[in-house]
């Protein structure tokens, strides 16, 4: 996981964000980040950063901050739905960061909902912030880690299933991906509960 001693952190504030709610294939990934005193400057929503800039910031965040990653696979997404899977991934990410330690000041989560009261294992104070990935540096850092981690998963998956173009579309429903889905059908990484994948399964 991480890095500097927790003693370096005066206020135990954690930022959380996810990547991969919308794709037709692959996991949903969440990251939790507690910024360190040497955290890199220039943190921003991963969606507005170039791929080059994200690739530069990712290792610097990992080296200077405390962090955790949570991953929920496609089969679990199909079983519990994407919203519940996202809440679970966020819970796993925070648990990977702090374990069972409840001495957390606040978990700041991008969006308008938190896992509090929705996931039994969630045991930390939480606040949802719409647009938090652009306004809260800890959430920005989490958005970068989550996207980079998920992109790496999909890049690796593209080696095994190259015809879907996941190295270019990360599992999203691009025309290339949809055409390949019609020609080849879904693979084990596809989310069968998502409509385009379900349609591809029809005779």
C-alpha atoms as a PDB file:
ATOM      1  CA  UNK A   1       0.000   0.000   0.000  1.00  0.00           C
ATOM      2  CA  UNK A   2       1.853   3.053   1.226  1.00  0.00           C
ATOM      3  CA  UNK A   3       4.399   4.869   2.755  1.00  0.00           C
ATOM      4  CA  UNK A   4       4.854   7.641   5.362  1.00  0.00           C
ATOM      5  CA  UNK A   5       4.051   6.965   9.015  1.00  0.00           C
ATOM      6  CA  UNK A   6       0.526   7.829  10.095  1.00  0.00           C
ATOM      7  CA  UNK A   7       2.117  10.042  12.744  1.00  0.00           C
ATOM      8  CA  UNK A   8       2.804  12.592   9.997  1.00  0.00           C
ATOM      9  CA  UNK A   9      -0.924  13.207   9.596  1.00  0.00           C
ATOM     10  CA  UNK A  10      -2.501  15.634  12.038  1.00  0.00           C
ATOM     11  CA  UNK A  11      -6.073  15.452  10.720  1.00  0.00           C
ATOM     12  CA  UNK A  12      -6.945  11.993   9.508  1.00  0.00           C
ATOM     13  CA  UNK A  13      -8.949  13.104   6.474  1.00  0.00           C
ATOM     14  CA  UNK A  14      -9.333  10.636   3.637  1.00  0.00           C
ATOM     15  CA  UNK A  15     -10.415  11.321   0.080  1.00  0.00           C
ATOM     16  CA  UNK A  16     -12.243   8.607  -1.886  1.00  0.00           C
ATOM     17  CA  UNK A  17     -13.193   8.306  -5.526  1.00  0.00           C
ATOM     18  CA  UNK A  18     -13.982   5.530  -7.982  1.00  0.00           C
ATOM     19  CA  UNK A  19     -13.358   4.658 -11.602  1.00  0.00           C
ATOM     20  CA  UNK A  20     -15.378   2.377 -13.814  1.00  0.00           C
ATOM     21  CA  UNK A  21     -19.055   2.739 -12.983  1.00  0.00           C
ATOM     22  CA  UNK A  22     -20.073   3.108 -16.612  1.00  0.00           C
ATOM     23  CA  UNK A  23     -18.049   0.567 -18.632  1.00  0.00           C
ATOM     24  CA  UNK A  24     -19.538  -2.611 -20.034  1.00  0.00           C
ATOM     25  CA  UNK A  25     -16.592  -4.701 -18.875  1.00  0.00           C
ATOM     26  CA  UNK A  26     -14.051  -4.942 -16.109  1.00  0.00           C
ATOM     27  CA  UNK A  27     -14.175  -4.079 -12.410  1.00  0.00           C
ATOM     28  CA  UNK A  28     -15.172  -0.952 -10.580  1.00  0.00           C
ATOM     29  CA  UNK A  29     -12.164   0.393  -8.679  1.00  0.00           C
ATOM     30  CA  UNK A  30     -12.051   2.823  -5.757  1.00  0.00           C
ATOM     31  CA  UNK A  31      -9.081   4.515  -4.147  1.00  0.00           C
ATOM     32  CA  UNK A  32      -8.734   6.105  -0.715  1.00  0.00           C
ATOM     33  CA  UNK A  33      -5.973   8.646  -0.101  1.00  0.00           C
ATOM     34  CA  UNK A  34      -4.706  10.434   2.981  1.00  0.00           C
ATOM     35  CA  UNK A  35      -2.479  13.266   1.761  1.00  0.00           C
ATOM     36  CA  UNK A  36       1.028  13.459   3.162  1.00  0.00           C
ATOM     37  CA  UNK A  37       2.972  16.684   3.783  1.00  0.00           C
ATOM     38  CA  UNK A  38       4.971  16.084   0.589  1.00  0.00           C
ATOM     39  CA  UNK A  39       1.978  15.280  -1.607  1.00  0.00           C
ATOM     40  CA  UNK A  40       2.482  16.495  -5.174  1.00  0.00           C
ATOM     41  CA  UNK A  41       1.122  19.807  -6.375  1.00  0.00           C
ATOM     42  CA  UNK A  42      -1.211  20.076  -9.326  1.00  0.00           C
ATOM     43  CA  UNK A  43      -3.729  17.473  -8.184  1.00  0.00           C
ATOM     44  CA  UNK A  44      -6.989  17.639 -10.132  1.00  0.00           C
ATOM     45  CA  UNK A  45      -9.883  15.525 -11.311  1.00  0.00           C
ATOM     46  CA  UNK A  46      -8.346  12.658 -13.282  1.00  0.00           C
ATOM     47  CA  UNK A  47     -10.809  13.257 -16.118  1.00  0.00           C
ATOM     48  CA  UNK A  48      -9.323  16.677 -16.901  1.00  0.00           C
ATOM     49  CA  UNK A  49      -5.695  15.564 -16.700  1.00  0.00           C
ATOM     50  CA  UNK A  50      -3.818  14.229 -19.682  1.00  0.00           C
ATOM     51  CA  UNK A  51      -2.761  10.589 -19.657  1.00  0.00           C
ATOM     52  CA  UNK A  52       0.850  11.749 -19.393  1.00  0.00           C
ATOM     53  CA  UNK A  53       0.120  13.936 -16.371  1.00  0.00           C
ATOM     54  CA  UNK A  54      -1.831  11.161 -14.612  1.00  0.00           C
ATOM     55  CA  UNK A  55       1.064   8.785 -15.226  1.00  0.00           C
ATOM     56  CA  UNK A  56       3.441  11.307 -13.636  1.00  0.00           C
ATOM     57  CA  UNK A  57       1.267  11.967 -10.579  1.00  0.00           C
ATOM     58  CA  UNK A  58       0.300   8.356  -9.812  1.00  0.00           C
ATOM     59  CA  UNK A  59       3.709   7.154  -8.524  1.00  0.00           C
ATOM     60  CA  UNK A  60       4.287  10.430  -6.695  1.00  0.00           C
ATOM     61  CA  UNK A  61       0.980  10.063  -4.832  1.00  0.00           C
ATOM     62  CA  UNK A  62       1.858   6.471  -3.958  1.00  0.00           C
ATOM     63  CA  UNK A  63       5.256   7.511  -2.599  1.00  0.00           C
ATOM     64  CA  UNK A  64       4.189  10.539  -0.555  1.00  0.00           C
ATOM     65  CA  UNK A  65       0.687   9.685   0.657  1.00  0.00           C
ATOM     66  CA  UNK A  66      -1.100   6.853   2.415  1.00  0.00           C
ATOM     67  CA  UNK A  67      -3.503   5.035   0.136  1.00  0.00           C
ATOM     68  CA  UNK A  68      -5.663   1.959  -0.358  1.00  0.00           C
ATOM     69  CA  UNK A  69      -7.370   0.368  -3.354  1.00  0.00           C
ATOM     70  CA  UNK A  70     -10.679  -1.515  -3.512  1.00  0.00           C
ATOM     71  CA  UNK A  71     -11.697  -3.640  -6.509  1.00  0.00           C
ATOM     72  CA  UNK A  72     -15.066  -5.281  -7.207  1.00  0.00           C
ATOM     73  CA  UNK A  73     -15.119  -7.588 -10.217  1.00  0.00           C
ATOM     74  CA  UNK A  74     -17.723  -7.788 -12.986  1.00  0.00           C
ATOM     75  CA  UNK A  75     -19.339 -10.962 -11.634  1.00  0.00           C
ATOM     76  CA  UNK A  76     -19.954  -9.233  -8.305  1.00  0.00           C
ATOM     77  CA  UNK A  77     -21.308  -6.156 -10.088  1.00  0.00           C
ATOM     78  CA  UNK A  78     -23.818  -8.419 -11.819  1.00  0.00           C
ATOM     79  CA  UNK A  79     -24.768 -10.022  -8.525  1.00  0.00           C
ATOM     80  CA  UNK A  80     -25.316  -6.894  -6.397  1.00  0.00           C
ATOM     81  CA  UNK A  81     -25.668  -4.080  -9.033  1.00  0.00           C
ATOM     82  CA  UNK A  82     -23.204  -1.340  -9.929  1.00  0.00           C
ATOM     83  CA  UNK A  83     -24.251   1.099  -7.192  1.00  0.00           C
ATOM     84  CA  UNK A  84     -23.802  -1.451  -4.420  1.00  0.00           C
ATOM     85  CA  UNK A  85     -20.535  -2.581  -6.013  1.00  0.00           C
ATOM     86  CA  UNK A  86     -19.254   0.996  -6.038  1.00  0.00           C
ATOM     87  CA  UNK A  87     -20.122   1.448  -2.364  1.00  0.00           C
ATOM     88  CA  UNK A  88     -18.374  -1.861  -1.605  1.00  0.00           C
ATOM     89  CA  UNK A  89     -15.253  -0.838  -3.551  1.00  0.00           C
ATOM     90  CA  UNK A  90     -15.063   2.413  -1.576  1.00  0.00           C
ATOM     91  CA  UNK A  91     -15.387   0.486   1.682  1.00  0.00           C
ATOM     92  CA  UNK A  92     -12.643  -1.928   0.645  1.00  0.00           C
ATOM     93  CA  UNK A  93     -10.378   0.987  -0.298  1.00  0.00           C
ATOM     94  CA  UNK A  94     -10.733   2.735   3.064  1.00  0.00           C
ATOM     95  CA  UNK A  95     -10.289  -0.569   4.908  1.00  0.00           C
ATOM     96  CA  UNK A  96      -7.121  -1.237   2.897  1.00  0.00           C
ATOM     97  CA  UNK A  97      -5.830   2.156   4.023  1.00  0.00           C
ATOM     98  CA  UNK A  98      -6.725   2.183   7.727  1.00  0.00           C
ATOM     99  CA  UNK A  99      -7.771  -1.376   8.557  1.00  0.00           C
ATOM    100  CA  UNK A 100     -10.223  -1.443  11.455  1.00  0.00           C
ATOM    101  CA  UNK A 101      -8.961   1.878  12.834  1.00  0.00           C
ATOM    102  CA  UNK A 102     -11.972   4.096  13.500  1.00  0.00           C
ATOM    103  CA  UNK A 103      -9.866   7.126  14.477  1.00  0.00           C
ATOM    104  CA  UNK A 104     -10.560   8.895  11.206  1.00  0.00           C
ATOM    105  CA  UNK A 105     -11.668  12.520  11.242  1.00  0.00           C
ATOM    106  CA  UNK A 106     -13.643  12.362   7.996  1.00  0.00           C
ATOM    107  CA  UNK A 107     -13.871  10.453   4.745  1.00  0.00           C
ATOM    108  CA  UNK A 108     -14.641  12.802   1.869  1.00  0.00           C
ATOM    109  CA  UNK A 109     -16.318  11.043  -1.047  1.00  0.00           C
ATOM    110  CA  UNK A 110     -16.859  12.342  -4.546  1.00  0.00           C
ATOM    111  CA  UNK A 111     -20.538  12.367  -5.479  1.00  0.00           C
ATOM    112  CA  UNK A 112     -23.807  12.698  -3.613  1.00  0.00           C
ATOM    113  CA  UNK A 113     -23.901   9.435  -1.625  1.00  0.00           C
ATOM    114  CA  UNK A 114     -21.616   7.564   0.750  1.00  0.00           C
ATOM    115  CA  UNK A 115     -21.420   3.923   1.888  1.00  0.00           C
ATOM    116  CA  UNK A 116     -22.463   5.012   5.381  1.00  0.00           C
ATOM    117  CA  UNK A 117     -25.625   3.075   6.236  1.00  0.00           C
ATOM    118  CA  UNK A 118     -25.394   1.170   2.949  1.00  0.00           C
ATOM    119  CA  UNK A 119     -22.441  -1.149   3.573  1.00  0.00           C
ATOM    120  CA  UNK A 120     -22.370  -3.006   6.882  1.00  0.00           C
ATOM    121  CA  UNK A 121     -18.574  -2.862   7.122  1.00  0.00           C
ATOM    122  CA  UNK A 122     -18.414   0.928   6.778  1.00  0.00           C
ATOM    123  CA  UNK A 123     -17.501   2.393  10.176  1.00  0.00           C
ATOM    124  CA  UNK A 124     -16.101   5.865   9.515  1.00  0.00           C
ATOM    125  CA  UNK A 125     -17.656   9.363   9.422  1.00  0.00           C
ATOM    126  CA  UNK A 126     -18.294  10.346   5.821  1.00  0.00           C
ATOM    127  CA  UNK A 127     -19.375  13.312   3.751  1.00  0.00           C
ATOM    128  CA  UNK A 128     -20.317  13.311   0.076  1.00  0.00           C
ATOM    129  CA  UNK A 129     -19.109  16.230  -2.046  1.00  0.00           C
ATOM    130  CA  UNK A 130     -20.510  16.758  -5.528  1.00  0.00           C
ATOM    131  CA  UNK A 131     -17.577  17.697  -7.748  1.00  0.00           C
ATOM    132  CA  UNK A 132     -15.190  16.787  -4.962  1.00  0.00           C
ATOM    133  CA  UNK A 133     -12.669  15.344  -7.401  1.00  0.00           C
ATOM    134  CA  UNK A 134     -12.112  18.893  -8.644  1.00  0.00           C
ATOM    135  CA  UNK A 135     -12.309  20.758  -5.319  1.00  0.00           C
ATOM    136  CA  UNK A 136     -10.740  18.479  -2.689  1.00  0.00           C
ATOM    137  CA  UNK A 137      -7.076  17.512  -3.265  1.00  0.00           C
ATOM    138  CA  UNK A 138      -7.386  14.214  -1.377  1.00  0.00           C
ATOM    139  CA  UNK A 139     -10.316  13.193  -3.594  1.00  0.00           C
ATOM    140  CA  UNK A 140      -8.400  14.363  -6.664  1.00  0.00           C
ATOM    141  CA  UNK A 141      -5.514  12.122  -5.662  1.00  0.00           C
ATOM    142  CA  UNK A 142      -7.921   9.223  -5.157  1.00  0.00           C
ATOM    143  CA  UNK A 143      -9.463   9.803  -8.578  1.00  0.00           C
ATOM    144  CA  UNK A 144      -6.015   9.587 -10.175  1.00  0.00           C
ATOM    145  CA  UNK A 145      -5.060   6.375  -8.374  1.00  0.00           C
ATOM    146  CA  UNK A 146      -8.410   4.733  -9.119  1.00  0.00           C
ATOM    147  CA  UNK A 147      -8.281   5.542 -12.817  1.00  0.00           C
ATOM    148  CA  UNK A 148      -4.646   4.524 -13.220  1.00  0.00           C
ATOM    149  CA  UNK A 149      -5.229   1.264 -11.374  1.00  0.00           C
ATOM    150  CA  UNK A 150      -8.292   0.395 -13.408  1.00  0.00           C
ATOM    151  CA  UNK A 151      -6.676   1.391 -16.702  1.00  0.00           C
ATOM    152  CA  UNK A 152      -3.771  -0.940 -15.907  1.00  0.00           C
ATOM    153  CA  UNK A 153      -6.229  -3.794 -15.294  1.00  0.00           C
ATOM    154  CA  UNK A 154      -7.934  -3.171 -18.628  1.00  0.00           C
ATOM    155  CA  UNK A 155      -4.622  -2.833 -20.469  1.00  0.00           C
ATOM    156  CA  UNK A 156      -3.639  -6.258 -19.155  1.00  0.00           C
ATOM    157  CA  UNK A 157      -7.068  -7.700 -20.040  1.00  0.00           C
ATOM    158  CA  UNK A 158      -6.697  -6.378 -23.578  1.00  0.00           C
ATOM    159  CA  UNK A 159      -3.772  -8.737 -24.066  1.00  0.00           C
ATOM    160  CA  UNK A 160      -6.053 -11.709 -23.445  1.00  0.00           C
ATOM    161  CA  UNK A 161      -9.111 -10.356 -25.282  1.00  0.00           C
ATOM    162  CA  UNK A 162      -7.655  -7.994 -27.905  1.00  0.00           C
ATOM    163  CA  UNK A 163     -10.690  -7.690 -30.195  1.00  0.00           C
ATOM    164  CA  UNK A 164     -12.651  -5.456 -27.783  1.00  0.00           C
ATOM    165  CA  UNK A 165     -10.085  -2.644 -27.889  1.00  0.00           C
ATOM    166  CA  UNK A 166      -9.868  -2.281 -24.120  1.00  0.00           C
ATOM    167  CA  UNK A 167      -6.401  -0.770 -24.388  1.00  0.00           C
ATOM    168  CA  UNK A 168      -8.153   2.149 -26.111  1.00  0.00           C
ATOM    169  CA  UNK A 169     -11.636   2.262 -24.560  1.00  0.00           C
ATOM    170  CA  UNK A 170     -11.044   0.798 -21.051  1.00  0.00           C
ATOM    171  CA  UNK A 171     -14.243  -1.237 -21.385  1.00  0.00           C
ATOM    172  CA  UNK A 172     -16.564   1.676 -22.176  1.00  0.00           C
ATOM    173  CA  UNK A 173     -19.256   1.216 -24.800  1.00  0.00           C
ATOM    174  CA  UNK A 174     -17.495   2.756 -27.780  1.00  0.00           C
ATOM    175  CA  UNK A 175     -18.555   1.831 -31.305  1.00  0.00           C
ATOM    176  CA  UNK A 176     -15.461  -0.366 -31.590  1.00  0.00           C
ATOM    177  CA  UNK A 177     -16.366  -2.221 -28.394  1.00  0.00           C
ATOM    178  CA  UNK A 178     -20.043  -2.597 -29.294  1.00  0.00           C
ATOM    179  CA  UNK A 179     -19.217  -3.920 -32.762  1.00  0.00           C
ATOM    180  CA  UNK A 180     -16.797  -6.461 -31.281  1.00  0.00           C
ATOM    181  CA  UNK A 181     -19.414  -7.455 -28.725  1.00  0.00           C
ATOM    182  CA  UNK A 182     -21.863  -8.228 -31.527  1.00  0.00           C
ATOM    183  CA  UNK A 183     -19.287 -10.192 -33.513  1.00  0.00           C
ATOM    184  CA  UNK A 184     -17.614 -12.145 -30.708  1.00  0.00           C
ATOM    185  CA  UNK A 185     -20.134 -12.057 -27.882  1.00  0.00           C
ATOM    186  CA  UNK A 186     -19.197 -11.263 -24.269  1.00  0.00           C
ATOM    187  CA  UNK A 187     -16.194 -12.656 -22.406  1.00  0.00           C
ATOM    188  CA  UNK A 188     -15.937 -13.393 -18.654  1.00  0.00           C
ATOM    189  CA  UNK A 189     -15.028  -9.761 -17.894  1.00  0.00           C
ATOM    190  CA  UNK A 190     -18.240  -8.362 -19.361  1.00  0.00           C
ATOM    191  CA  UNK A 191     -21.020  -7.132 -17.087  1.00  0.00           C
ATOM    192  CA  UNK A 192     -23.971  -9.228 -18.130  1.00  0.00           C
ATOM    193  CA  UNK A 193     -26.413  -7.055 -16.184  1.00  0.00           C
ATOM    194  CA  UNK A 194     -25.612  -4.098 -18.463  1.00  0.00           C
ATOM    195  CA  UNK A 195     -28.081  -3.765 -21.340  1.00  0.00           C
ATOM    196  CA  UNK A 196     -25.704  -3.858 -24.358  1.00  0.00           C
ATOM    197  CA  UNK A 197     -24.050  -6.998 -23.003  1.00  0.00           C
ATOM    198  CA  UNK A 198     -27.406  -8.607 -22.203  1.00  0.00           C
ATOM    199  CA  UNK A 199     -28.576  -7.861 -25.741  1.00  0.00           C
ATOM    200  CA  UNK A 200     -25.453  -9.490 -27.172  1.00  0.00           C
ATOM    201  CA  UNK A 201     -26.388 -12.653 -25.299  1.00  0.00           C
ATOM    202  CA  UNK A 202     -29.803 -12.899 -26.940  1.00  0.00           C
ATOM    203  CA  UNK A 203     -30.165 -15.571 -29.662  1.00  0.00           C
END
